[in-house]
N, C-alpha and C. Protein backbone atom coordinates (compact mmCIF):
# COMPACT_ATOMS: atom_id res chain seq x y z
N MET A 1 -35.12 -26.00 -51.30
CA MET A 1 -36.53 -25.95 -51.56
C MET A 1 -37.24 -25.51 -50.28
N ARG A 2 -38.37 -24.90 -50.47
CA ARG A 2 -39.16 -24.42 -49.34
C ARG A 2 -40.55 -25.04 -49.44
N TYR A 3 -41.03 -25.57 -48.31
CA TYR A 3 -42.36 -26.17 -48.24
C TYR A 3 -43.12 -25.55 -47.08
N LYS A 4 -44.28 -24.98 -47.37
CA LYS A 4 -45.15 -24.42 -46.33
C LYS A 4 -45.94 -25.57 -45.72
N THR A 5 -45.81 -25.74 -44.42
CA THR A 5 -46.47 -26.85 -43.74
C THR A 5 -47.94 -26.54 -43.46
N HIS A 6 -48.71 -27.59 -43.16
CA HIS A 6 -50.13 -27.47 -42.88
C HIS A 6 -50.48 -28.34 -41.68
N GLY A 7 -51.14 -27.76 -40.68
CA GLY A 7 -51.66 -28.53 -39.56
C GLY A 7 -50.65 -28.89 -38.49
N VAL A 8 -49.49 -28.23 -38.48
CA VAL A 8 -48.45 -28.51 -37.48
C VAL A 8 -47.92 -27.20 -36.92
N CYS A 9 -47.11 -27.30 -35.87
CA CYS A 9 -46.55 -26.11 -35.22
C CYS A 9 -45.50 -25.41 -36.08
N SER A 10 -44.71 -26.16 -36.83
CA SER A 10 -43.72 -25.51 -37.69
C SER A 10 -44.44 -24.85 -38.85
N SER A 11 -43.88 -23.76 -39.35
CA SER A 11 -44.53 -23.02 -40.43
C SER A 11 -44.01 -23.38 -41.80
N GLU A 12 -42.77 -23.86 -41.86
CA GLU A 12 -42.22 -24.28 -43.14
C GLU A 12 -41.02 -25.19 -42.93
N ILE A 13 -40.66 -25.88 -44.01
CA ILE A 13 -39.48 -26.74 -44.01
C ILE A 13 -38.63 -26.33 -45.19
N ASN A 14 -37.37 -26.05 -44.93
CA ASN A 14 -36.40 -25.75 -45.99
C ASN A 14 -35.47 -26.95 -46.10
N PHE A 15 -35.24 -27.40 -47.33
CA PHE A 15 -34.40 -28.58 -47.50
C PHE A 15 -33.70 -28.55 -48.85
N GLU A 16 -32.63 -29.34 -48.92
CA GLU A 16 -31.86 -29.49 -50.15
C GLU A 16 -31.74 -30.97 -50.47
N LEU A 17 -31.91 -31.30 -51.75
CA LEU A 17 -31.72 -32.67 -52.22
C LEU A 17 -30.56 -32.68 -53.20
N GLU A 18 -29.82 -33.78 -53.16
CA GLU A 18 -28.71 -33.93 -54.10
C GLU A 18 -28.57 -35.41 -54.43
N ASP A 19 -28.67 -35.74 -55.73
CA ASP A 19 -28.55 -37.13 -56.17
C ASP A 19 -29.48 -38.06 -55.41
N ASP A 20 -30.76 -37.69 -55.30
CA ASP A 20 -31.78 -38.49 -54.64
C ASP A 20 -31.51 -38.72 -53.15
N LYS A 21 -30.69 -37.86 -52.56
CA LYS A 21 -30.44 -37.93 -51.12
C LYS A 21 -30.75 -36.57 -50.50
N ILE A 22 -31.13 -36.62 -49.22
CA ILE A 22 -31.42 -35.40 -48.48
C ILE A 22 -30.11 -34.83 -47.99
N LYS A 23 -29.82 -33.62 -48.42
CA LYS A 23 -28.55 -32.99 -48.06
C LYS A 23 -28.68 -32.16 -46.79
N LYS A 24 -29.78 -31.42 -46.66
CA LYS A 24 -29.95 -30.53 -45.52
C LYS A 24 -31.43 -30.33 -45.27
N VAL A 25 -31.83 -30.24 -43.99
CA VAL A 25 -33.22 -29.99 -43.61
C VAL A 25 -33.24 -28.98 -42.47
N GLU A 26 -34.15 -28.02 -42.56
CA GLU A 26 -34.34 -27.05 -41.49
C GLU A 26 -35.83 -26.77 -41.34
N PHE A 27 -36.36 -27.02 -40.15
CA PHE A 27 -37.75 -26.69 -39.84
C PHE A 27 -37.78 -25.28 -39.27
N VAL A 28 -38.77 -24.49 -39.65
CA VAL A 28 -38.96 -23.16 -39.10
C VAL A 28 -40.12 -23.26 -38.11
N GLY A 29 -39.81 -23.05 -36.84
CA GLY A 29 -40.82 -23.20 -35.80
C GLY A 29 -40.94 -24.65 -35.38
N GLY A 30 -41.95 -24.94 -34.60
CA GLY A 30 -42.16 -26.30 -34.12
C GLY A 30 -41.36 -26.58 -32.87
N CYS A 31 -41.38 -27.82 -32.44
CA CYS A 31 -40.65 -28.26 -31.25
C CYS A 31 -39.18 -28.41 -31.61
N SER A 32 -38.37 -27.48 -31.19
CA SER A 32 -36.99 -27.37 -31.64
C SER A 32 -36.19 -28.66 -31.52
N GLY A 33 -36.23 -29.30 -30.37
CA GLY A 33 -35.45 -30.52 -30.20
C GLY A 33 -35.89 -31.63 -31.13
N ASN A 34 -37.21 -31.80 -31.26
CA ASN A 34 -37.73 -32.85 -32.13
C ASN A 34 -37.42 -32.58 -33.60
N THR A 35 -37.63 -31.35 -34.04
CA THR A 35 -37.40 -31.06 -35.45
C THR A 35 -35.91 -31.11 -35.79
N GLN A 36 -35.04 -30.68 -34.87
CA GLN A 36 -33.60 -30.81 -35.11
C GLN A 36 -33.20 -32.28 -35.18
N GLY A 37 -33.81 -33.10 -34.32
CA GLY A 37 -33.52 -34.53 -34.32
C GLY A 37 -33.93 -35.19 -35.63
N VAL A 38 -35.14 -34.89 -36.08
CA VAL A 38 -35.62 -35.45 -37.34
C VAL A 38 -34.70 -35.01 -38.49
N ALA A 39 -34.36 -33.73 -38.50
CA ALA A 39 -33.50 -33.20 -39.56
C ALA A 39 -32.16 -33.92 -39.61
N ARG A 40 -31.53 -34.10 -38.47
CA ARG A 40 -30.23 -34.77 -38.44
C ARG A 40 -30.32 -36.24 -38.83
N LEU A 41 -31.41 -36.88 -38.42
CA LEU A 41 -31.57 -38.30 -38.75
C LEU A 41 -31.74 -38.55 -40.24
N VAL A 42 -32.43 -37.65 -40.94
CA VAL A 42 -32.69 -37.90 -42.36
C VAL A 42 -31.60 -37.35 -43.29
N GLU A 43 -30.74 -36.48 -42.81
CA GLU A 43 -29.69 -35.96 -43.68
C GLU A 43 -28.78 -37.09 -44.13
N GLY A 44 -28.57 -37.19 -45.44
CA GLY A 44 -27.78 -38.26 -46.03
C GLY A 44 -28.61 -39.47 -46.43
N MET A 45 -29.88 -39.49 -46.03
CA MET A 45 -30.77 -40.61 -46.34
C MET A 45 -31.37 -40.43 -47.73
N LYS A 46 -31.63 -41.54 -48.42
CA LYS A 46 -32.32 -41.47 -49.70
C LYS A 46 -33.73 -40.96 -49.47
N THR A 47 -34.22 -40.17 -50.41
CA THR A 47 -35.54 -39.56 -50.24
C THR A 47 -36.63 -40.61 -50.08
N GLU A 48 -36.57 -41.70 -50.86
CA GLU A 48 -37.59 -42.73 -50.79
C GLU A 48 -37.63 -43.39 -49.42
N GLU A 49 -36.46 -43.61 -48.82
CA GLU A 49 -36.40 -44.23 -47.49
C GLU A 49 -36.99 -43.30 -46.44
N ALA A 50 -36.66 -42.01 -46.53
CA ALA A 50 -37.19 -41.04 -45.56
C ALA A 50 -38.71 -40.97 -45.68
N ILE A 51 -39.23 -40.94 -46.89
CA ILE A 51 -40.68 -40.89 -47.09
C ILE A 51 -41.33 -42.13 -46.47
N ALA A 52 -40.77 -43.29 -46.74
CA ALA A 52 -41.33 -44.54 -46.21
C ALA A 52 -41.33 -44.56 -44.68
N ARG A 53 -40.31 -44.00 -44.06
CA ARG A 53 -40.21 -44.00 -42.60
C ARG A 53 -41.09 -42.93 -41.93
N LEU A 54 -41.28 -41.79 -42.60
CA LEU A 54 -41.94 -40.65 -41.96
C LEU A 54 -43.41 -40.48 -42.32
N GLU A 55 -43.80 -40.94 -43.49
CA GLU A 55 -45.17 -40.73 -43.95
C GLU A 55 -46.18 -41.39 -43.02
N GLY A 56 -47.20 -40.63 -42.67
CA GLY A 56 -48.28 -41.16 -41.85
C GLY A 56 -48.11 -40.98 -40.36
N ILE A 57 -46.98 -40.46 -39.91
CA ILE A 57 -46.78 -40.22 -38.47
C ILE A 57 -47.72 -39.11 -38.04
N ARG A 58 -48.40 -39.33 -36.94
CA ARG A 58 -49.35 -38.34 -36.42
C ARG A 58 -48.79 -37.69 -35.17
N CYS A 59 -49.28 -36.50 -34.87
CA CYS A 59 -48.90 -35.78 -33.65
C CYS A 59 -50.16 -35.64 -32.80
N GLY A 60 -50.26 -36.46 -31.76
CA GLY A 60 -51.45 -36.44 -30.92
C GLY A 60 -52.68 -36.76 -31.74
N ARG A 61 -53.68 -35.91 -31.65
CA ARG A 61 -54.93 -36.11 -32.40
C ARG A 61 -54.87 -35.54 -33.81
N ARG A 62 -53.81 -34.84 -34.11
CA ARG A 62 -53.68 -34.24 -35.44
C ARG A 62 -53.46 -35.36 -36.48
N PRO A 63 -53.99 -35.18 -37.67
CA PRO A 63 -53.81 -36.21 -38.70
C PRO A 63 -52.44 -36.17 -39.37
N THR A 64 -51.57 -35.27 -38.93
CA THR A 64 -50.23 -35.12 -39.52
C THR A 64 -49.25 -34.77 -38.41
N SER A 65 -48.00 -34.58 -38.77
CA SER A 65 -46.93 -34.22 -37.84
C SER A 65 -45.83 -33.55 -38.64
N CYS A 66 -44.82 -33.03 -37.96
CA CYS A 66 -43.69 -32.44 -38.69
C CYS A 66 -42.97 -33.48 -39.54
N PRO A 67 -42.72 -34.71 -39.03
CA PRO A 67 -42.11 -35.71 -39.90
C PRO A 67 -42.99 -36.05 -41.11
N ASP A 68 -44.31 -36.16 -40.91
CA ASP A 68 -45.22 -36.43 -42.01
C ASP A 68 -45.20 -35.29 -43.03
N GLN A 69 -45.13 -34.06 -42.55
CA GLN A 69 -45.04 -32.91 -43.45
C GLN A 69 -43.75 -32.94 -44.26
N LEU A 70 -42.67 -33.39 -43.65
CA LEU A 70 -41.41 -33.54 -44.39
C LEU A 70 -41.58 -34.57 -45.49
N ALA A 71 -42.24 -35.68 -45.19
CA ALA A 71 -42.49 -36.70 -46.22
C ALA A 71 -43.30 -36.11 -47.37
N LYS A 72 -44.30 -35.31 -47.06
CA LYS A 72 -45.11 -34.66 -48.09
C LYS A 72 -44.25 -33.70 -48.92
N ALA A 73 -43.38 -32.95 -48.26
CA ALA A 73 -42.49 -32.03 -48.96
C ALA A 73 -41.56 -32.77 -49.91
N LEU A 74 -41.02 -33.89 -49.44
CA LEU A 74 -40.12 -34.68 -50.28
C LEU A 74 -40.86 -35.26 -51.49
N LYS A 75 -42.07 -35.76 -51.26
CA LYS A 75 -42.86 -36.29 -52.37
C LYS A 75 -43.16 -35.20 -53.40
N GLU A 76 -43.50 -34.02 -52.92
CA GLU A 76 -43.78 -32.90 -53.82
C GLU A 76 -42.53 -32.53 -54.62
N ALA A 77 -41.38 -32.52 -53.97
CA ALA A 77 -40.13 -32.18 -54.65
C ALA A 77 -39.81 -33.21 -55.73
N ILE A 78 -40.02 -34.48 -55.40
CA ILE A 78 -39.76 -35.53 -56.38
C ILE A 78 -40.69 -35.41 -57.57
N SER A 79 -41.97 -35.19 -57.31
CA SER A 79 -42.94 -35.11 -58.42
C SER A 79 -42.70 -33.87 -59.27
N SER A 80 -42.29 -32.77 -58.66
CA SER A 80 -42.06 -31.55 -59.44
C SER A 80 -40.79 -31.62 -60.27
N SER A 81 -39.84 -32.47 -59.86
CA SER A 81 -38.61 -32.61 -60.63
C SER A 81 -38.72 -33.68 -61.69
N GLY A 82 -39.86 -34.42 -61.69
CA GLY A 82 -40.05 -35.44 -62.69
C GLY A 82 -39.42 -36.78 -62.36
N ASN A 83 -38.84 -36.90 -61.17
CA ASN A 83 -38.23 -38.16 -60.75
C ASN A 83 -39.30 -39.11 -60.25
N GLN A 84 -39.04 -40.37 -60.32
CA GLN A 84 -39.94 -41.39 -59.80
C GLN A 84 -39.47 -41.85 -58.45
N GLN A 85 -40.41 -42.27 -57.60
CA GLN A 85 -40.06 -42.81 -56.29
C GLN A 85 -39.65 -44.25 -56.42
């Protein structure tokens, strides 16, 4: 799945879900070390757990962050597939 980010340095997040788990995550742009770290930490995690951990994280004065954008992307993917959180 592809998610266009808003209000952060990365321009999009590409990810794969399988059986309600995050299989793969790739941020395009952004702070490379941080986004790679977030991606590796959430791979294999249940989507609901990742959302709970990442949602609401801010980057400086910005009202969002790359982890928060990932949470938004996961929520959108869940709602579009008809699954419940």
